[in-house]
N, C-alpha and C. Protein backbone atom coordinates (compact mmCIF):
# COMPACT_ATOMS: atom_id res chain seq x y z
N UNK A 1 44.83 0.48 186.75
CA UNK A 1 44.46 0.67 185.13
C UNK A 1 44.00 -1.34 185.19
N UNK A 2 42.81 -1.30 184.67
CA UNK A 2 42.15 -2.65 184.57
C UNK A 2 41.72 -2.40 182.84
N UNK A 3 42.25 -3.58 181.87
CA UNK A 3 42.11 -3.54 180.89
C UNK A 3 41.20 -5.00 180.56
N UNK A 4 40.56 -5.35 179.38
CA UNK A 4 39.99 -6.57 179.16
C UNK A 4 40.81 -7.25 178.94
N UNK A 5 40.10 -8.39 178.80
CA UNK A 5 40.83 -9.87 178.87
C UNK A 5 41.95 -9.74 177.60
N UNK A 6 41.16 -9.77 176.44
CA UNK A 6 41.81 -9.64 175.65
C UNK A 6 42.45 -8.41 174.67
N UNK A 7 42.55 -7.38 175.61
CA UNK A 7 43.77 -6.59 175.59
C UNK A 7 44.62 -6.71 175.90
N UNK A 8 44.44 -7.22 177.53
CA UNK A 8 45.32 -7.71 178.07
C UNK A 8 46.06 -9.32 177.21
N UNK A 9 45.90 -9.84 176.63
CA UNK A 9 46.53 -10.77 175.26
C UNK A 9 47.09 -10.34 174.23
N UNK A 10 46.34 -8.45 173.90
CA UNK A 10 47.23 -8.20 173.15
C UNK A 10 48.75 -7.73 174.07
N UNK A 11 48.14 -6.95 175.06
CA UNK A 11 49.98 -6.41 175.82
C UNK A 11 50.86 -7.49 175.50
N UNK A 12 50.11 -8.53 176.00
CA UNK A 12 51.15 -10.04 177.01
C UNK A 12 52.12 -10.19 175.52
N UNK A 13 51.50 -10.59 174.26
CA UNK A 13 52.17 -10.75 172.87
C UNK A 13 52.69 -9.93 172.68
N UNK A 14 52.67 -8.77 172.55
CA UNK A 14 53.68 -7.87 172.43
C UNK A 14 54.53 -7.49 173.60
N UNK A 15 54.61 -8.15 174.23
CA UNK A 15 55.38 -8.05 175.63
C UNK A 15 56.88 -9.15 175.42
N UNK A 16 56.21 -10.63 174.46
CA UNK A 16 56.50 -11.69 174.69
C UNK A 16 57.56 -11.59 173.25
N UNK A 17 57.30 -10.55 172.42
CA UNK A 17 58.42 -10.29 171.04
C UNK A 17 59.12 -8.79 171.22
N UNK A 18 59.67 -8.93 171.95
CA UNK A 18 60.45 -7.31 172.12
C UNK A 18 60.05 -6.21 172.83
N UNK A 19 58.66 -6.08 172.91
CA UNK A 19 58.06 -4.87 172.66
C UNK A 19 57.24 -4.36 171.24
N UNK A 20 57.57 -5.19 170.29
CA UNK A 20 56.60 -4.60 169.24
C UNK A 20 56.20 -5.80 168.05
N UNK A 21 55.18 -5.64 167.90
CA UNK A 21 55.17 -6.66 166.46
C UNK A 21 54.20 -5.58 166.02
N UNK A 22 54.28 -6.91 164.37
CA UNK A 22 52.58 -6.06 163.04
C UNK A 22 51.71 -6.87 163.84
N UNK A 23 50.48 -5.55 163.30
CA UNK A 23 49.37 -6.63 163.85
C UNK A 23 48.61 -7.47 163.28
N UNK A 24 49.36 -7.53 162.31
CA UNK A 24 49.00 -9.20 161.38
C UNK A 24 49.74 -10.19 162.28
N UNK A 25 50.30 -10.25 163.27
CA UNK A 25 51.61 -10.80 163.68
C UNK A 25 50.82 -11.61 165.24
N UNK A 26 50.38 -10.21 166.10
CA UNK A 26 49.32 -10.54 167.09
C UNK A 26 48.39 -10.98 166.58
N UNK A 27 47.09 -10.79 165.48
CA UNK A 27 46.25 -11.48 165.35
C UNK A 27 46.73 -12.74 164.71
N UNK A 28 47.79 -13.51 164.43
CA UNK A 28 48.13 -14.84 164.04
C UNK A 28 48.29 -15.45 165.42
N UNK A 29 48.54 -14.66 166.03
CA UNK A 29 49.50 -15.40 167.36
C UNK A 29 48.33 -15.82 169.10
N UNK A 30 47.62 -14.49 168.47
CA UNK A 30 46.12 -14.93 169.40
C UNK A 30 45.19 -15.65 168.32
N UNK A 31 45.26 -15.93 167.73
CA UNK A 31 44.15 -16.34 166.58
C UNK A 31 42.82 -15.10 166.59
N UNK A 32 42.70 -14.04 166.54
CA UNK A 32 41.51 -13.85 166.21
C UNK A 32 42.15 -12.56 164.21
N UNK A 33 41.20 -12.14 164.07
CA UNK A 33 41.45 -10.92 163.15
C UNK A 33 42.01 -9.56 163.05
N UNK A 34 42.79 -9.01 162.41
CA UNK A 34 43.53 -7.85 162.54
C UNK A 34 42.10 -6.93 162.96
N UNK A 35 40.90 -6.64 162.83
CA UNK A 35 40.55 -6.24 162.77
C UNK A 35 39.83 -6.08 164.36
N UNK A 36 40.24 -7.61 165.05
CA UNK A 36 39.44 -6.83 166.17
C UNK A 36 40.71 -6.92 167.25
N UNK A 37 41.37 -7.30 166.85
CA UNK A 37 43.41 -7.19 166.89
C UNK A 37 43.60 -5.37 167.45
N UNK A 38 42.89 -4.35 166.29
CA UNK A 38 43.19 -3.36 166.07
C UNK A 38 42.34 -2.59 167.34
N UNK A 39 41.13 -3.03 167.35
CA UNK A 39 40.47 -2.80 168.52
C UNK A 39 41.45 -2.12 170.01
N UNK A 40 41.95 -3.93 170.13
CA UNK A 40 42.43 -4.13 171.45
C UNK A 40 43.42 -3.01 171.42
N UNK A 41 44.35 -3.11 170.00
CA UNK A 41 46.07 -1.98 170.22
C UNK A 41 44.94 -0.66 169.99
N UNK A 42 44.08 -0.05 169.79
CA UNK A 42 43.67 1.36 170.13
C UNK A 42 43.23 1.45 171.60
N UNK A 43 42.49 0.49 172.37
CA UNK A 43 42.43 0.49 173.98
C UNK A 43 43.81 0.84 174.34
N UNK A 44 44.74 0.24 174.01
CA UNK A 44 45.82 0.08 174.65
C UNK A 44 46.47 1.97 174.39
N UNK A 45 46.63 1.77 173.35
CA UNK A 45 47.05 3.34 173.10
C UNK A 45 46.85 4.87 173.67
N UNK A 46 44.84 4.69 173.55
CA UNK A 46 44.22 5.21 174.18
C UNK A 46 44.91 5.46 176.56
N UNK A 47 45.49 4.72 176.79
CA UNK A 47 46.14 3.72 178.05
C UNK A 47 47.13 4.55 178.14
N UNK A 48 47.94 4.64 176.51
CA UNK A 48 49.16 5.53 176.78
C UNK A 48 49.90 4.05 177.38
N UNK A 49 49.59 3.13 176.81
CA UNK A 49 50.57 1.94 176.90
C UNK A 49 50.86 1.00 176.00
N UNK A 50 50.91 1.78 174.71
CA UNK A 50 51.40 1.48 173.06
C UNK A 50 51.41 2.58 172.51
N UNK A 51 52.12 2.39 171.69
CA UNK A 51 51.63 3.23 170.43
C UNK A 51 51.70 2.57 168.88
N UNK A 52 51.22 3.33 168.11
CA UNK A 52 50.92 2.79 166.91
C UNK A 52 51.69 2.75 166.08
N UNK A 53 52.67 2.09 164.80
CA UNK A 53 53.72 2.84 164.22
C UNK A 53 53.67 2.93 163.61
N UNK A 54 53.35 3.64 161.90
CA UNK A 54 53.54 2.67 160.27
C UNK A 54 54.83 3.24 159.67
N UNK A 55 56.45 2.52 159.99
CA UNK A 55 57.45 3.46 159.17
C UNK A 55 56.84 3.47 157.52
N UNK A 56 57.63 4.18 157.25
CA UNK A 56 57.86 4.50 155.88
C UNK A 56 57.99 3.76 154.83
N UNK A 57 56.65 2.70 153.75
CA UNK A 57 56.73 2.50 152.76
C UNK A 57 56.01 0.78 153.98
N UNK A 58 55.69 1.16 154.72
CA UNK A 58 55.26 0.01 155.55
C UNK A 58 53.76 -0.43 154.70
N UNK A 59 53.73 -1.80 155.18
CA UNK A 59 52.12 -2.06 154.37
C UNK A 59 51.25 -1.66 155.22
N UNK A 60 51.84 -1.54 156.98
CA UNK A 60 50.42 -2.18 158.65
C UNK A 60 51.81 -1.79 159.19
N UNK A 61 50.53 -0.67 160.25
CA UNK A 61 50.87 -0.84 161.32
C UNK A 61 52.13 -1.73 162.19
N UNK A 62 52.60 -1.11 163.27
CA UNK A 62 54.25 -2.47 164.03
C UNK A 62 52.82 -1.54 165.47
N UNK A 63 52.62 -2.19 166.48
CA UNK A 63 52.28 -1.67 167.99
C UNK A 63 53.51 -2.07 168.76
N UNK A 64 53.87 -0.74 169.06
CA UNK A 64 55.14 -1.17 169.95
C UNK A 64 54.69 -0.34 171.45
N UNK A 65 55.26 -0.73 172.72
CA UNK A 65 54.68 -0.19 173.75
C UNK A 65 55.75 -0.38 174.45
N UNK A 66 55.18 0.98 175.36
CA UNK A 66 55.64 2.77 175.93
C UNK A 66 56.10 2.01 177.63
N UNK A 67 57.15 2.56 177.83
CA UNK A 67 57.26 1.73 179.05
C UNK A 67 56.74 1.85 179.83
N UNK A 68 55.56 2.65 179.63
CA UNK A 68 54.69 2.08 181.37
C UNK A 68 53.63 0.97 180.55
N UNK A 69 54.00 0.59 179.29
CA UNK A 69 53.13 -0.77 179.06
C UNK A 69 53.70 -1.70 179.15
N UNK A 70 55.36 -1.75 178.74
CA UNK A 70 56.52 -2.16 179.36
C UNK A 70 55.85 -3.20 180.64
N UNK A 71 56.02 -2.30 181.58
CA UNK A 71 56.28 -2.26 183.32
C UNK A 71 54.59 -2.65 183.38
N UNK A 72 53.36 -2.61 182.44
CA UNK A 72 52.28 -3.01 183.02
C UNK A 72 51.96 -3.97 183.85
N UNK A 73 50.76 -3.69 184.86
CA UNK A 73 50.70 -5.05 186.08
C UNK A 73 48.98 -4.34 185.99
N UNK A 74 48.33 -4.98 186.10
CA UNK A 74 46.81 -4.54 185.76
C UNK A 74 46.20 -4.47 187.05
N UNK A 75 45.70 -3.54 187.60
CA UNK A 75 44.87 -3.55 189.10
C UNK A 75 43.64 -3.23 189.27
N UNK A 76 42.59 -2.97 189.79
CA UNK A 76 40.74 -3.15 189.65
C UNK A 76 40.47 -2.01 189.58
N UNK A 77 41.32 -1.31 189.42
CA UNK A 77 40.44 0.02 189.77
C UNK A 77 40.83 1.23 187.75
């Protein structure tokens, strides 16, 4: 499976933060808007590499890597 450069950047950021990070933390860390990062998180969710979790009472969602996301290595297919 192949990821875009920006989706891979989001995946790598979340990996470096113990497999979970708030959308706003990712945006600040990669220097992009939350809207842009949300698009990449949606891509990761569609590919079963991450899930979006919104804790009760939380103002924003957290991107949490699945086991597949934590172990992901890009390929050309």
